[in-house]
Amino acid sequence: MRVAITSQGTDLDSPVDPRFARAKWFLIVDIETREVETVDNAQNLQAAHGAGPQAAQTVVNSGVGAVITGHCGPRAFRTLQAVGVEVMIGAEGTVAEALEKYENGELRSAEQADVEAHWV
C-alpha cells in the first residue's frame, strides 16, 4: 500500500507539515518497498478556494490508501473519504517518525475533519 504524508521538505527526515491542503509537499511512501515519491503541492499553497479538494485529488491520483497529516479540513476530508482513502491525523515530528507511528498503529484514524475550512 502507498501512503501520503504531508511534509515541509522532500525527504523522510523533513518535519511533518501539520496542514493537509496547504502542505508544501506530499511524500508518497510505498509501505512494502520503501520507495518514496515526492509530490509538490505548490499549486495549493496560495489558493484562495478549493485547496482541500485539489490536494485530495492530487494524493488520490498518486494511488494512496491512506493520508498521514497533522490536521485535515472538511472539504478535503469528504473528498478523501468518498474514495475510501483513510485519513490519519495527529502526526508530528519527522515524516519517518510519523510513518513509524502509522505502522505501529499509534496514529488515529479520523472520523471527521478536525479543523474548519480555511484553517491556516
N, C-alpha and C. Protein backbone atom coordinates (compact mmCIF):
# COMPACT_ATOMS: atom_id res chain seq x y z
N MET A 1 0.83 -1.18 0.00
CA MET A 1 0.00 0.00 0.00
C MET A 1 0.88 1.25 0.00
N ARG A 2 0.35 2.30 -0.61
CA ARG A 2 1.04 3.59 -0.64
C ARG A 2 0.31 4.55 0.29
N VAL A 3 1.09 5.36 1.02
CA VAL A 3 0.52 6.37 1.90
C VAL A 3 1.10 7.73 1.53
N ALA A 4 0.32 8.78 1.72
CA ALA A 4 0.79 10.14 1.51
C ALA A 4 0.99 10.78 2.88
N ILE A 5 2.16 11.38 3.07
CA ILE A 5 2.47 12.06 4.33
C ILE A 5 2.75 13.52 4.01
N THR A 6 2.07 14.42 4.70
CA THR A 6 2.31 15.84 4.47
C THR A 6 3.67 16.21 5.03
N SER A 7 4.43 16.98 4.25
CA SER A 7 5.81 17.25 4.62
C SER A 7 6.20 18.69 4.31
N GLN A 8 7.12 19.21 5.12
CA GLN A 8 7.67 20.54 4.88
C GLN A 8 8.92 20.47 4.02
N GLY A 9 9.37 19.27 3.68
CA GLY A 9 10.56 19.09 2.86
C GLY A 9 10.41 17.88 1.96
N THR A 10 11.52 17.49 1.35
CA THR A 10 11.45 16.46 0.31
C THR A 10 12.06 15.11 0.69
N ASP A 11 12.33 14.91 1.98
CA ASP A 11 12.86 13.60 2.37
C ASP A 11 12.25 13.15 3.69
N LEU A 12 12.53 11.93 4.07
CA LEU A 12 11.92 11.33 5.27
C LEU A 12 12.32 12.01 6.56
N ASP A 13 13.44 12.75 6.55
CA ASP A 13 13.88 13.47 7.74
C ASP A 13 13.23 14.85 7.87
N SER A 14 12.40 15.23 6.92
CA SER A 14 11.71 16.52 6.95
C SER A 14 10.61 16.49 8.00
N PRO A 15 10.27 17.67 8.56
CA PRO A 15 9.16 17.73 9.51
C PRO A 15 7.82 17.49 8.80
N VAL A 16 6.92 16.84 9.50
CA VAL A 16 5.56 16.69 9.01
C VAL A 16 4.94 18.08 8.91
N ASP A 17 4.27 18.37 7.81
CA ASP A 17 3.53 19.62 7.70
C ASP A 17 2.19 19.38 8.39
N PRO A 18 1.81 20.20 9.37
CA PRO A 18 0.57 19.95 10.09
C PRO A 18 -0.69 20.18 9.27
N ARG A 19 -0.56 20.84 8.12
CA ARG A 19 -1.71 21.14 7.27
C ARG A 19 -1.78 20.12 6.14
N PHE A 20 -2.98 19.65 5.83
CA PHE A 20 -3.11 18.77 4.68
C PHE A 20 -3.16 19.56 3.39
N ALA A 21 -4.20 20.35 3.21
CA ALA A 21 -4.44 21.00 1.92
C ALA A 21 -3.35 21.97 1.52
N ARG A 22 -2.73 22.62 2.47
CA ARG A 22 -1.70 23.61 2.17
C ARG A 22 -0.31 23.15 2.58
N ALA A 23 -0.12 21.84 2.65
CA ALA A 23 1.21 21.29 2.92
C ALA A 23 2.14 21.65 1.76
N LYS A 24 3.41 21.84 2.05
CA LYS A 24 4.35 22.15 0.97
C LYS A 24 4.54 20.96 0.04
N TRP A 25 4.63 19.78 0.63
CA TRP A 25 4.92 18.56 -0.14
C TRP A 25 4.07 17.41 0.36
N PHE A 26 3.86 16.44 -0.49
CA PHE A 26 3.35 15.13 -0.10
C PHE A 26 4.45 14.14 -0.41
N LEU A 27 4.84 13.36 0.57
CA LEU A 27 5.76 12.26 0.31
C LEU A 27 4.91 11.00 0.21
N ILE A 28 4.95 10.37 -0.93
CA ILE A 28 4.18 9.16 -1.18
C ILE A 28 5.14 7.99 -0.92
N VAL A 29 4.82 7.20 0.09
CA VAL A 29 5.71 6.11 0.50
C VAL A 29 5.01 4.78 0.26
N ASP A 30 5.70 3.89 -0.44
CA ASP A 30 5.22 2.52 -0.61
C ASP A 30 5.65 1.76 0.65
N ILE A 31 4.71 1.31 1.43
CA ILE A 31 4.99 0.65 2.71
C ILE A 31 5.85 -0.60 2.52
N GLU A 32 5.64 -1.34 1.45
CA GLU A 32 6.36 -2.59 1.26
C GLU A 32 7.77 -2.39 0.73
N THR A 33 7.94 -1.51 -0.27
CA THR A 33 9.25 -1.36 -0.91
C THR A 33 10.07 -0.20 -0.35
N ARG A 34 9.42 0.68 0.40
CA ARG A 34 10.04 1.89 0.96
C ARG A 34 10.43 2.91 -0.12
N GLU A 35 9.89 2.74 -1.32
CA GLU A 35 10.10 3.75 -2.36
C GLU A 35 9.38 5.02 -1.96
N VAL A 36 10.03 6.17 -2.21
CA VAL A 36 9.45 7.46 -1.86
C VAL A 36 9.32 8.30 -3.12
N GLU A 37 8.14 8.82 -3.33
CA GLU A 37 7.87 9.75 -4.44
C GLU A 37 7.53 11.10 -3.82
N THR A 38 8.14 12.15 -4.33
CA THR A 38 7.89 13.50 -3.82
C THR A 38 6.92 14.22 -4.75
N VAL A 39 5.84 14.75 -4.17
CA VAL A 39 4.82 15.45 -4.94
C VAL A 39 4.73 16.88 -4.41
N ASP A 40 5.01 17.84 -5.27
CA ASP A 40 4.95 19.26 -4.93
C ASP A 40 3.49 19.69 -4.85
N ASN A 41 3.14 20.41 -3.79
CA ASN A 41 1.77 20.89 -3.61
C ASN A 41 1.70 22.41 -3.74
N ALA A 42 2.64 23.01 -4.47
CA ALA A 42 2.73 24.47 -4.58
C ALA A 42 1.45 25.10 -5.11
N GLN A 43 0.73 24.41 -5.99
CA GLN A 43 -0.47 24.99 -6.57
C GLN A 43 -1.53 25.29 -5.52
N ASN A 44 -1.45 24.67 -4.36
CA ASN A 44 -2.47 24.88 -3.34
C ASN A 44 -2.02 25.77 -2.18
N LEU A 45 -0.75 26.12 -2.14
CA LEU A 45 -0.26 26.92 -1.02
C LEU A 45 -0.94 28.27 -0.91
N GLN A 46 -1.20 28.91 -2.03
CA GLN A 46 -1.80 30.24 -2.03
C GLN A 46 -3.20 30.26 -2.65
N ALA A 47 -3.77 29.10 -2.87
CA ALA A 47 -5.10 29.03 -3.49
C ALA A 47 -6.14 29.74 -2.62
N ALA A 48 -6.94 30.57 -3.23
CA ALA A 48 -7.99 31.28 -2.50
C ALA A 48 -9.10 30.33 -2.07
N HIS A 49 -9.44 29.39 -2.94
CA HIS A 49 -10.52 28.44 -2.67
C HIS A 49 -10.17 27.10 -3.29
N GLY A 50 -10.71 26.04 -2.72
CA GLY A 50 -10.58 24.72 -3.33
C GLY A 50 -9.30 23.98 -3.03
N ALA A 51 -8.48 24.47 -2.11
CA ALA A 51 -7.21 23.80 -1.82
C ALA A 51 -7.43 22.38 -1.30
N GLY A 52 -8.43 22.19 -0.44
CA GLY A 52 -8.68 20.87 0.13
C GLY A 52 -9.02 19.81 -0.90
N PRO A 53 -10.05 20.02 -1.69
CA PRO A 53 -10.38 19.02 -2.70
C PRO A 53 -9.27 18.83 -3.75
N GLN A 54 -8.58 19.91 -4.11
CA GLN A 54 -7.49 19.78 -5.09
C GLN A 54 -6.33 18.96 -4.52
N ALA A 55 -5.97 19.23 -3.27
CA ALA A 55 -4.90 18.45 -2.63
C ALA A 55 -5.32 16.99 -2.49
N ALA A 56 -6.57 16.77 -2.13
CA ALA A 56 -7.07 15.40 -2.02
C ALA A 56 -6.99 14.67 -3.36
N GLN A 57 -7.37 15.36 -4.43
CA GLN A 57 -7.30 14.75 -5.75
C GLN A 57 -5.86 14.43 -6.13
N THR A 58 -4.94 15.29 -5.75
CA THR A 58 -3.52 15.06 -6.03
C THR A 58 -3.05 13.75 -5.40
N VAL A 59 -3.38 13.53 -4.14
CA VAL A 59 -2.91 12.29 -3.50
C VAL A 59 -3.69 11.07 -3.99
N VAL A 60 -4.96 11.25 -4.29
CA VAL A 60 -5.75 10.14 -4.84
C VAL A 60 -5.16 9.71 -6.17
N ASN A 61 -4.76 10.67 -7.00
CA ASN A 61 -4.14 10.34 -8.29
C ASN A 61 -2.80 9.63 -8.13
N SER A 62 -2.20 9.74 -6.95
CA SER A 62 -0.94 9.04 -6.68
C SER A 62 -1.16 7.62 -6.20
N GLY A 63 -2.42 7.22 -6.07
CA GLY A 63 -2.74 5.83 -5.73
C GLY A 63 -2.54 5.47 -4.27
N VAL A 64 -2.83 6.40 -3.36
CA VAL A 64 -2.64 6.11 -1.95
C VAL A 64 -3.88 5.50 -1.32
N GLY A 65 -3.66 4.75 -0.26
CA GLY A 65 -4.77 4.19 0.50
C GLY A 65 -4.99 4.91 1.81
N ALA A 66 -4.00 5.74 2.20
CA ALA A 66 -4.11 6.49 3.45
C ALA A 66 -3.33 7.79 3.34
N VAL A 67 -3.76 8.77 4.12
CA VAL A 67 -3.08 10.05 4.25
C VAL A 67 -2.69 10.20 5.71
N ILE A 68 -1.46 10.64 5.95
CA ILE A 68 -0.96 10.90 7.29
C ILE A 68 -0.64 12.38 7.38
N THR A 69 -1.28 13.07 8.33
CA THR A 69 -1.12 14.52 8.45
C THR A 69 -1.37 14.96 9.87
N GLY A 70 -1.12 16.22 10.12
CA GLY A 70 -1.45 16.77 11.43
C GLY A 70 -2.93 17.03 11.56
N HIS A 71 -3.49 17.75 10.56
CA HIS A 71 -4.89 18.14 10.59
C HIS A 71 -5.49 18.08 9.18
N CYS A 72 -6.80 17.90 9.12
CA CYS A 72 -7.48 17.84 7.83
C CYS A 72 -8.82 18.56 7.92
N GLY A 73 -9.06 19.46 6.96
CA GLY A 73 -10.30 20.23 6.91
C GLY A 73 -11.45 19.44 6.31
N PRO A 74 -12.65 20.01 6.38
CA PRO A 74 -13.86 19.28 5.98
C PRO A 74 -13.96 18.93 4.50
N ARG A 75 -13.59 19.83 3.62
CA ARG A 75 -13.75 19.53 2.18
C ARG A 75 -12.74 18.48 1.73
N ALA A 76 -11.51 18.59 2.21
CA ALA A 76 -10.51 17.57 1.88
C ALA A 76 -10.92 16.23 2.48
N PHE A 77 -11.37 16.25 3.73
CA PHE A 77 -11.78 15.02 4.38
C PHE A 77 -12.89 14.32 3.61
N ARG A 78 -13.92 15.07 3.24
CA ARG A 78 -15.04 14.47 2.48
C ARG A 78 -14.57 13.89 1.15
N THR A 79 -13.67 14.59 0.48
CA THR A 79 -13.16 14.11 -0.81
C THR A 79 -12.40 12.81 -0.63
N LEU A 80 -11.54 12.76 0.37
CA LEU A 80 -10.75 11.54 0.62
C LEU A 80 -11.65 10.39 1.07
N GLN A 81 -12.57 10.69 1.96
CA GLN A 81 -13.48 9.66 2.47
C GLN A 81 -14.34 9.07 1.35
N ALA A 82 -14.76 9.91 0.41
CA ALA A 82 -15.63 9.46 -0.69
C ALA A 82 -14.98 8.40 -1.56
N VAL A 83 -13.66 8.42 -1.63
CA VAL A 83 -12.97 7.43 -2.47
C VAL A 83 -12.25 6.36 -1.64
N GLY A 84 -12.55 6.33 -0.34
CA GLY A 84 -12.03 5.26 0.51
C GLY A 84 -10.60 5.43 0.99
N VAL A 85 -10.08 6.66 0.97
CA VAL A 85 -8.74 6.91 1.49
C VAL A 85 -8.86 7.21 2.98
N GLU A 86 -8.17 6.43 3.80
CA GLU A 86 -8.18 6.64 5.24
C GLU A 86 -7.37 7.88 5.60
N VAL A 87 -7.86 8.68 6.52
CA VAL A 87 -7.18 9.89 6.95
C VAL A 87 -6.70 9.70 8.38
N MET A 88 -5.39 9.77 8.56
CA MET A 88 -4.78 9.64 9.88
C MET A 88 -4.32 11.03 10.32
N ILE A 89 -4.82 11.49 11.47
CA ILE A 89 -4.47 12.82 11.94
C ILE A 89 -3.63 12.73 13.21
N GLY A 90 -3.05 13.86 13.58
CA GLY A 90 -2.24 13.92 14.80
C GLY A 90 -0.77 13.64 14.57
N ALA A 91 -0.36 13.54 13.32
CA ALA A 91 1.05 13.26 13.03
C ALA A 91 1.90 14.48 13.36
N GLU A 92 3.09 14.23 13.87
CA GLU A 92 4.05 15.28 14.17
C GLU A 92 5.44 14.68 14.16
N GLY A 93 6.45 15.53 14.32
CA GLY A 93 7.83 15.06 14.24
C GLY A 93 8.27 14.99 12.80
N THR A 94 9.14 14.06 12.49
CA THR A 94 9.59 13.91 11.12
C THR A 94 8.66 12.98 10.36
N VAL A 95 8.79 13.00 9.05
CA VAL A 95 8.00 12.09 8.21
C VAL A 95 8.30 10.64 8.58
N ALA A 96 9.57 10.33 8.79
CA ALA A 96 9.97 8.96 9.17
C ALA A 96 9.32 8.55 10.49
N GLU A 97 9.27 9.47 11.46
CA GLU A 97 8.64 9.16 12.75
C GLU A 97 7.14 8.95 12.58
N ALA A 98 6.50 9.78 11.77
CA ALA A 98 5.07 9.62 11.52
C ALA A 98 4.76 8.29 10.84
N LEU A 99 5.61 7.92 9.89
CA LEU A 99 5.43 6.64 9.20
C LEU A 99 5.57 5.48 10.18
N GLU A 100 6.54 5.56 11.06
CA GLU A 100 6.73 4.51 12.07
C GLU A 100 5.51 4.42 13.00
N LYS A 101 5.01 5.57 13.43
CA LYS A 101 3.82 5.57 14.29
C LYS A 101 2.62 4.98 13.56
N TYR A 102 2.49 5.29 12.28
CA TYR A 102 1.40 4.71 11.48
C TYR A 102 1.52 3.20 11.43
N GLU A 103 2.71 2.72 11.14
CA GLU A 103 2.91 1.27 11.04
C GLU A 103 2.71 0.56 12.37
N ASN A 104 2.95 1.27 13.48
CA ASN A 104 2.76 0.69 14.81
C ASN A 104 1.35 0.89 15.35
N GLY A 105 0.46 1.49 14.55
CA GLY A 105 -0.91 1.70 14.96
C GLY A 105 -1.07 2.80 16.01
N GLU A 106 -0.13 3.74 16.04
CA GLU A 106 -0.14 4.79 17.06
C GLU A 106 -0.83 6.08 16.60
N LEU A 107 -1.26 6.15 15.35
CA LEU A 107 -1.99 7.32 14.87
C LEU A 107 -3.47 6.97 14.82
N ARG A 108 -4.31 7.99 15.00
CA ARG A 108 -5.74 7.71 14.99
C ARG A 108 -6.36 8.01 13.63
N SER A 109 -7.25 7.15 13.25
CA SER A 109 -8.00 7.33 12.01
C SER A 109 -9.11 8.33 12.29
N ALA A 110 -9.18 9.37 11.47
CA ALA A 110 -10.17 10.42 11.69
C ALA A 110 -11.56 9.94 11.27
N GLU A 111 -12.54 10.31 12.07
CA GLU A 111 -13.93 10.04 11.73
C GLU A 111 -14.56 11.25 11.07
N GLN A 112 -13.90 12.39 11.20
CA GLN A 112 -14.36 13.64 10.59
C GLN A 112 -13.20 14.61 10.55
N ALA A 113 -13.40 15.73 9.88
CA ALA A 113 -12.38 16.77 9.85
C ALA A 113 -12.12 17.26 11.26
N ASP A 114 -10.88 17.67 11.53
CA ASP A 114 -10.58 18.14 12.89
C ASP A 114 -10.28 19.65 12.93
N VAL A 115 -10.39 20.33 11.80
CA VAL A 115 -10.26 21.79 11.75
C VAL A 115 -11.32 22.31 10.79
N GLU A 116 -11.57 23.60 10.88
CA GLU A 116 -12.56 24.22 9.99
C GLU A 116 -11.94 24.54 8.64
N ALA A 117 -12.78 24.82 7.69
CA ALA A 117 -12.33 25.22 6.34
C ALA A 117 -11.46 26.47 6.46
N HIS A 118 -10.50 26.59 5.57
CA HIS A 118 -9.58 27.74 5.51
C HIS A 118 -8.72 27.86 6.76
N TRP A 119 -8.47 26.74 7.44
CA TRP A 119 -7.59 26.73 8.60
C TRP A 119 -6.16 26.96 8.15
N VAL A 120 -5.46 27.82 8.83
CA VAL A 120 -4.07 28.12 8.46
C VAL A 120 -3.24 27.33 9.39
